Amino acid sequence: MRQLGAKGVKWLKGAHLILAGGWLGAAVCMLLVLNVKSAAPSDGQQLFAFNSAVKLIDDFIVIPCALGSLVTGLLYSLFTAW
């Protein structure tokens, strides 16, 4: 298997760290929203807003960052000495 050069390894590692950080940050944001939600929303609109926020964070940040982190991790393991 062909090895990446030093510049390629740095780019791949940087992308992997950014995606993993986005994944972790979004998961923490979801936990914070859930903790705020546990303060018993006063009406259905507030509950809908909390649930919509969690779904948006999950669909557009957590899932893509998790998949991107998986792909960059696999590429990192395939194209480097690790």
N, C-alpha and C. Protein backbone atom coordinates (compact mmCIF):
# COMPACT_ATOMS: atom_id res chain seq x y z
N MET A 1 0.84 -1.18 0.00
CA MET A 1 0.00 0.00 0.00
C MET A 1 0.89 1.24 0.00
N ARG A 2 0.49 2.22 -0.75
CA ARG A 2 1.27 3.46 -0.89
C ARG A 2 1.14 4.31 0.37
N GLN A 3 2.25 4.86 0.83
CA GLN A 3 2.28 5.71 2.01
C GLN A 3 2.10 7.18 1.62
N LEU A 4 1.46 7.94 2.47
CA LEU A 4 1.32 9.38 2.26
C LEU A 4 2.60 10.09 2.67
N GLY A 5 2.84 11.22 2.04
CA GLY A 5 3.97 12.05 2.43
C GLY A 5 3.65 12.80 3.72
N ALA A 6 4.61 13.54 4.20
CA ALA A 6 4.43 14.28 5.46
C ALA A 6 3.30 15.30 5.37
N LYS A 7 3.21 15.97 4.23
CA LYS A 7 2.16 16.98 4.06
C LYS A 7 0.78 16.33 4.03
N GLY A 8 0.66 15.20 3.35
CA GLY A 8 -0.62 14.48 3.29
C GLY A 8 -1.05 13.95 4.65
N VAL A 9 -0.09 13.47 5.42
CA VAL A 9 -0.40 12.97 6.76
C VAL A 9 -0.91 14.11 7.64
N LYS A 10 -0.29 15.29 7.52
CA LYS A 10 -0.71 16.44 8.33
C LYS A 10 -2.13 16.87 7.95
N TRP A 11 -2.44 16.91 6.66
CA TRP A 11 -3.79 17.28 6.22
C TRP A 11 -4.82 16.26 6.70
N LEU A 12 -4.49 14.99 6.58
CA LEU A 12 -5.42 13.95 6.99
C LEU A 12 -5.63 13.97 8.50
N LYS A 13 -4.56 14.16 9.24
CA LYS A 13 -4.68 14.23 10.71
C LYS A 13 -5.48 15.46 11.12
N GLY A 14 -5.23 16.59 10.45
CA GLY A 14 -5.99 17.80 10.75
C GLY A 14 -7.48 17.64 10.48
N ALA A 15 -7.81 17.05 9.33
CA ALA A 15 -9.21 16.81 9.01
C ALA A 15 -9.86 15.88 10.03
N HIS A 16 -9.12 14.84 10.42
CA HIS A 16 -9.65 13.89 11.39
C HIS A 16 -9.89 14.56 12.74
N LEU A 17 -8.96 15.39 13.18
CA LEU A 17 -9.13 16.06 14.47
C LEU A 17 -10.27 17.08 14.44
N ILE A 18 -10.43 17.80 13.33
CA ILE A 18 -11.53 18.76 13.21
C ILE A 18 -12.87 18.04 13.23
N LEU A 19 -12.97 16.95 12.49
CA LEU A 19 -14.23 16.19 12.48
C LEU A 19 -14.53 15.57 13.84
N ALA A 20 -13.53 15.01 14.49
CA ALA A 20 -13.75 14.42 15.81
C ALA A 20 -14.14 15.50 16.83
N GLY A 21 -13.51 16.68 16.74
CA GLY A 21 -13.87 17.78 17.62
C GLY A 21 -15.29 18.28 17.38
N GLY A 22 -15.69 18.34 16.11
CA GLY A 22 -17.06 18.72 15.79
C GLY A 22 -18.07 17.73 16.31
N TRP A 23 -17.72 16.46 16.20
CA TRP A 23 -18.59 15.40 16.71
C TRP A 23 -18.75 15.53 18.23
N LEU A 24 -17.66 15.67 18.93
CA LEU A 24 -17.70 15.79 20.38
C LEU A 24 -18.41 17.07 20.81
N GLY A 25 -18.12 18.17 20.14
CA GLY A 25 -18.76 19.44 20.49
C GLY A 25 -20.26 19.41 20.28
N ALA A 26 -20.69 18.81 19.18
CA ALA A 26 -22.12 18.72 18.91
C ALA A 26 -22.81 17.80 19.92
N ALA A 27 -22.14 16.73 20.32
CA ALA A 27 -22.71 15.83 21.32
C ALA A 27 -22.87 16.55 22.65
N VAL A 28 -21.89 17.37 23.02
CA VAL A 28 -21.99 18.15 24.26
C VAL A 28 -23.14 19.16 24.16
N CYS A 29 -23.28 19.79 22.99
CA CYS A 29 -24.39 20.73 22.79
C CYS A 29 -25.74 20.03 22.93
N MET A 30 -25.85 18.83 22.40
CA MET A 30 -27.09 18.08 22.53
C MET A 30 -27.37 17.76 24.00
N LEU A 31 -26.35 17.39 24.74
CA LEU A 31 -26.55 17.11 26.16
C LEU A 31 -26.98 18.36 26.92
N LEU A 32 -26.42 19.51 26.56
CA LEU A 32 -26.83 20.75 27.21
C LEU A 32 -28.28 21.08 26.89
N VAL A 33 -28.70 20.89 25.65
CA VAL A 33 -30.09 21.13 25.28
C VAL A 33 -31.00 20.17 26.04
N LEU A 34 -30.58 18.93 26.17
CA LEU A 34 -31.40 17.97 26.90
C LEU A 34 -31.50 18.33 28.38
N ASN A 35 -30.42 18.86 28.96
CA ASN A 35 -30.47 19.29 30.35
C ASN A 35 -31.40 20.48 30.53
N VAL A 36 -31.39 21.40 29.57
CA VAL A 36 -32.31 22.53 29.64
C VAL A 36 -33.74 22.02 29.48
N LYS A 37 -33.92 21.03 28.60
CA LYS A 37 -35.25 20.47 28.37
C LYS A 37 -35.79 19.81 29.63
N SER A 38 -34.90 19.26 30.45
CA SER A 38 -35.36 18.58 31.66
C SER A 38 -35.94 19.56 32.68
N ALA A 39 -35.83 20.85 32.41
CA ALA A 39 -36.42 21.85 33.30
C ALA A 39 -37.91 22.01 33.03
N ALA A 40 -38.53 21.02 32.40
CA ALA A 40 -39.97 20.96 32.13
C ALA A 40 -40.45 22.16 31.31
N PRO A 41 -40.48 21.99 29.99
CA PRO A 41 -40.98 23.07 29.13
C PRO A 41 -42.41 23.44 29.50
N SER A 42 -42.72 24.71 29.35
CA SER A 42 -44.02 25.19 29.80
C SER A 42 -45.16 24.89 28.83
N ASP A 43 -44.85 24.73 27.55
CA ASP A 43 -45.91 24.42 26.59
C ASP A 43 -45.37 23.56 25.45
N GLY A 44 -46.26 23.17 24.56
CA GLY A 44 -45.90 22.29 23.46
C GLY A 44 -44.95 22.93 22.47
N GLN A 45 -45.05 24.24 22.28
CA GLN A 45 -44.17 24.92 21.34
C GLN A 45 -42.72 24.91 21.83
N GLN A 46 -42.54 25.06 23.12
CA GLN A 46 -41.20 25.03 23.68
C GLN A 46 -40.61 23.62 23.57
N LEU A 47 -41.41 22.61 23.82
CA LEU A 47 -40.96 21.23 23.68
C LEU A 47 -40.60 20.93 22.22
N PHE A 48 -41.41 21.42 21.28
CA PHE A 48 -41.12 21.23 19.86
C PHE A 48 -39.82 21.91 19.47
N ALA A 49 -39.56 23.10 20.02
CA ALA A 49 -38.32 23.83 19.71
C ALA A 49 -37.11 23.06 20.22
N PHE A 50 -37.18 22.52 21.43
CA PHE A 50 -36.08 21.72 21.98
C PHE A 50 -35.82 20.49 21.11
N ASN A 51 -36.89 19.78 20.78
CA ASN A 51 -36.74 18.56 19.98
C ASN A 51 -36.22 18.87 18.58
N SER A 52 -36.66 19.97 18.01
CA SER A 52 -36.18 20.36 16.68
C SER A 52 -34.70 20.71 16.72
N ALA A 53 -34.27 21.40 17.77
CA ALA A 53 -32.86 21.76 17.90
C ALA A 53 -31.99 20.51 18.02
N VAL A 54 -32.42 19.56 18.82
CA VAL A 54 -31.66 18.31 18.98
C VAL A 54 -31.60 17.56 17.66
N LYS A 55 -32.70 17.50 16.94
CA LYS A 55 -32.71 16.79 15.66
C LYS A 55 -31.82 17.46 14.63
N LEU A 56 -31.83 18.78 14.57
CA LEU A 56 -30.96 19.50 13.63
C LEU A 56 -29.49 19.28 13.94
N ILE A 57 -29.13 19.36 15.22
CA ILE A 57 -27.74 19.13 15.61
C ILE A 57 -27.33 17.71 15.24
N ASP A 58 -28.20 16.75 15.50
CA ASP A 58 -27.89 15.36 15.21
C ASP A 58 -27.77 15.10 13.71
N ASP A 59 -28.74 15.57 12.95
CA ASP A 59 -28.77 15.28 11.51
C ASP A 59 -27.67 15.99 10.72
N PHE A 60 -27.35 17.22 11.10
CA PHE A 60 -26.44 18.01 10.27
C PHE A 60 -25.03 18.17 10.82
N ILE A 61 -24.80 17.77 12.07
CA ILE A 61 -23.45 17.90 12.62
C ILE A 61 -22.93 16.57 13.13
N VAL A 62 -23.67 15.91 14.03
CA VAL A 62 -23.17 14.69 14.66
C VAL A 62 -22.96 13.58 13.65
N ILE A 63 -23.97 13.29 12.85
CA ILE A 63 -23.87 12.16 11.91
C ILE A 63 -22.79 12.40 10.85
N PRO A 64 -22.77 13.56 10.16
CA PRO A 64 -21.69 13.76 9.18
C PRO A 64 -20.29 13.77 9.80
N CYS A 65 -20.15 14.38 10.97
CA CYS A 65 -18.82 14.41 11.61
C CYS A 65 -18.39 13.01 12.04
N ALA A 66 -19.33 12.21 12.52
CA ALA A 66 -18.99 10.84 12.93
C ALA A 66 -18.56 10.02 11.72
N LEU A 67 -19.29 10.12 10.63
CA LEU A 67 -18.92 9.38 9.42
C LEU A 67 -17.60 9.89 8.85
N GLY A 68 -17.42 11.20 8.84
CA GLY A 68 -16.16 11.76 8.36
C GLY A 68 -14.98 11.35 9.22
N SER A 69 -15.19 11.29 10.51
CA SER A 69 -14.13 10.85 11.43
C SER A 69 -13.80 9.39 11.18
N LEU A 70 -14.80 8.58 10.93
CA LEU A 70 -14.57 7.16 10.62
C LEU A 70 -13.77 7.01 9.33
N VAL A 71 -14.16 7.74 8.30
CA VAL A 71 -13.48 7.63 7.01
C VAL A 71 -12.04 8.13 7.11
N THR A 72 -11.83 9.28 7.74
CA THR A 72 -10.46 9.79 7.85
C THR A 72 -9.61 8.90 8.74
N GLY A 73 -10.20 8.30 9.76
CA GLY A 73 -9.46 7.36 10.60
C GLY A 73 -9.04 6.12 9.83
N LEU A 74 -9.95 5.61 8.99
CA LEU A 74 -9.60 4.45 8.16
C LEU A 74 -8.52 4.81 7.14
N LEU A 75 -8.65 5.97 6.52
CA LEU A 75 -7.64 6.40 5.56
C LEU A 75 -6.29 6.60 6.25
N TYR A 76 -6.34 7.16 7.45
CA TYR A 76 -5.11 7.36 8.22
C TYR A 76 -4.44 6.03 8.53
N SER A 77 -5.24 5.03 8.87
CA SER A 77 -4.66 3.72 9.18
C SER A 77 -4.16 2.99 7.93
N LEU A 78 -4.78 3.24 6.80
CA LEU A 78 -4.38 2.56 5.56
C LEU A 78 -3.13 3.18 4.92
N PHE A 79 -3.02 4.50 4.96
CA PHE A 79 -1.99 5.18 4.20
C PHE A 79 -0.83 5.69 5.05
N THR A 80 -0.76 5.29 6.31
CA THR A 80 0.39 5.66 7.15
C THR A 80 0.89 4.40 7.84
N ALA A 81 1.95 4.54 8.60
CA ALA A 81 2.53 3.39 9.29
C ALA A 81 1.67 2.90 10.45
N TRP A 82 0.65 3.66 10.83
CA TRP A 82 -0.22 3.24 11.92
C TRP A 82 -1.11 2.14 11.45
